């Protein structure tokens, strides 16, 4: 017995070091379950506050690492979108397999079902036994309950995202000895799942703190995080694919109830608008901005020069956007972050796959021409209808170099930059790396040439071409993502610590604008008493904050007057604002646009052209290699439930088409 106590003491001393590391799954957690279950019982765990806290952190460890977008990702979302193509179809980049129809109900890829339900069970155990903890104050208990309510709702949200409507299990954790009939649970409807998640987040909101108390608690959920989850799921529920979609008219439960409701309900947009407004009304968040300085370009005449948020006159649009992703602004100092995780800064981080091979990277992420073309010119005009002041070059001029390098806001354009990339909006330069982009990598202090200050080229014989030992390691489109890369970053040296924003305030503002735009009549929330309507001033106020931060003009009266016109504008704004953040896949699905958008061919530059064939390289080229042969089918709106899960639950039906 004495030896057991000594082991317990040593274990608890070790794991107590992890208590302050945060709540988000992207932190490194000690998985304590096996240790605690081997050494003590649940009775002992719930006798002390310290072990209960560790049990909660063990549940949080089951959350996925959402910062892994491309390599070893937890889900196919980023890779299977129209934003990118990967140079490999392997287990580390299994998102490629979805659109190639290589996923089946027997595949082991992205097998999250059991993990998420384990997290739900742990949350339910805490809910049921928290009052056994005698050394915890009532405030301690409330906060722990708030955290597990958030956890439980978040696990259901993750399940809904991947699998569509799922079973809502009993709030009382099942015992191992339960009869098998009690463990077989039918799917709830999509709307029932949305309501359950929202109810958990509502209760979590009541119990959680408004802000983290210290830097050690920064990654833990707060009131704002709970409301942000509600904002996202309510927007999902209001969107066309889940709101009155007759495509699923034959998909019903055993009682004949449709899993996806068949009657369009416009009030769901009201619920979504209220959820977003509640985050706004907290007055805890604002878009990240950096003050204008001598290196900030002069604004075009089309953009308001008033001080932000009424214009962009006093901010630096490029740095305001780029520095919240690349680590220049510490997460604690970023008022835009609502809920985030620590992005791993080496190995399989978001940066690795984009980095050139000579700087230690994988060189295998290609962004698509469709994403590149979505970015506007500096004055806010589309590239297909550009102005005389900021013209998009003709095809006979687009490939030619700008002729003289220059810098702005700390960003460098080389003299060889093609004219097609000149005078684009700030978010373009903060996100897209193209042929002849400059990669400083100044943390490298070695003497080898080509390991820093690289002008990267994607020609067949360029310095971004594959070497003889790895012939497939090259960029397929001539574009990659620089969003998560700091000028100092170099995988052969050091990388800046970064926070990956899972929820940020820009999403809330665009959620609010979209929901208001779709309202047919005023909506009053029965619980909060908040009334929302299609108020054009409210729409402008929310939407224009995002536009002004990007250094672009706000909405015109004509644009906001027409619902269909504004809907299209909001879709395009979300595409650019949230590029390569894992959101595009879900947006395109919920709008019901996936069959059109995801079935477009993959287009990029002609990377088969040599340096001497510059004009040929800058020719829009449809990829025809095996990796680009992708297609989205209706079954892919939801991921298949693994066959082994179905075999254990007789009441569970497979997703349509699988």
Foldseek 3Di string as FASTA:
>chain_A
DVVLVVVVVVVLVVQVVVLLQAQALQDDHDQCVVVPVVRHNVLVQLQALSSLSNLLSNLSNLDFNLQLQAFQHLDLQNCLAQFWFWLDCDLRRVSLVLLVVNDDLADPHNQSVVSLVVSLLSLLVCVVRNVNHPVDDPLSSLASNLQSLLSNLVSLVVCCQFFNFAFDADSHRDDPPDDLVNVFTETAANVVNLVSSLVSLVSSLVRFAQADPDPSHRQGAGNLNSLLSNLVSLLLCLFDLQFQDCVQVPDAAPVNHGSRDNHGDLCSLVSNLVSLVVSVVVVQAAQQWAFDDPQADDFDPLFDLDPPPVTQVTTRLQCSQQCQQAQVDPPVRHRFFNHWAWFDFADSGPVQLCDFVLLPHQQTMATFVVLLQLFDFRAAHRQVDDDPVGHQDDLVQQLQFCQCWDDGPRAIQHRNDGSNPPRTFSLSSLWKDFQQGWQALQQDDDDDPPNGRDRFHLACPTSQADDPVCNSRHHPFRMHTCRHHDSNHGNVGDGRIHIQRPGTSLVSLLSNLLSQLSRPAWDADPPPRDIGHNDLVSNQSSQSSLQNSRSYHTDDPVQSVDSVSVNVVSLSSCSSSCPSNSCSSSVCLSNVNCQPRSADFGWHFDNHHHPVPSSNRRDIDGDDDPSRPGHDDPQSSHRWNRPVVCVSHVSYDTGPPD
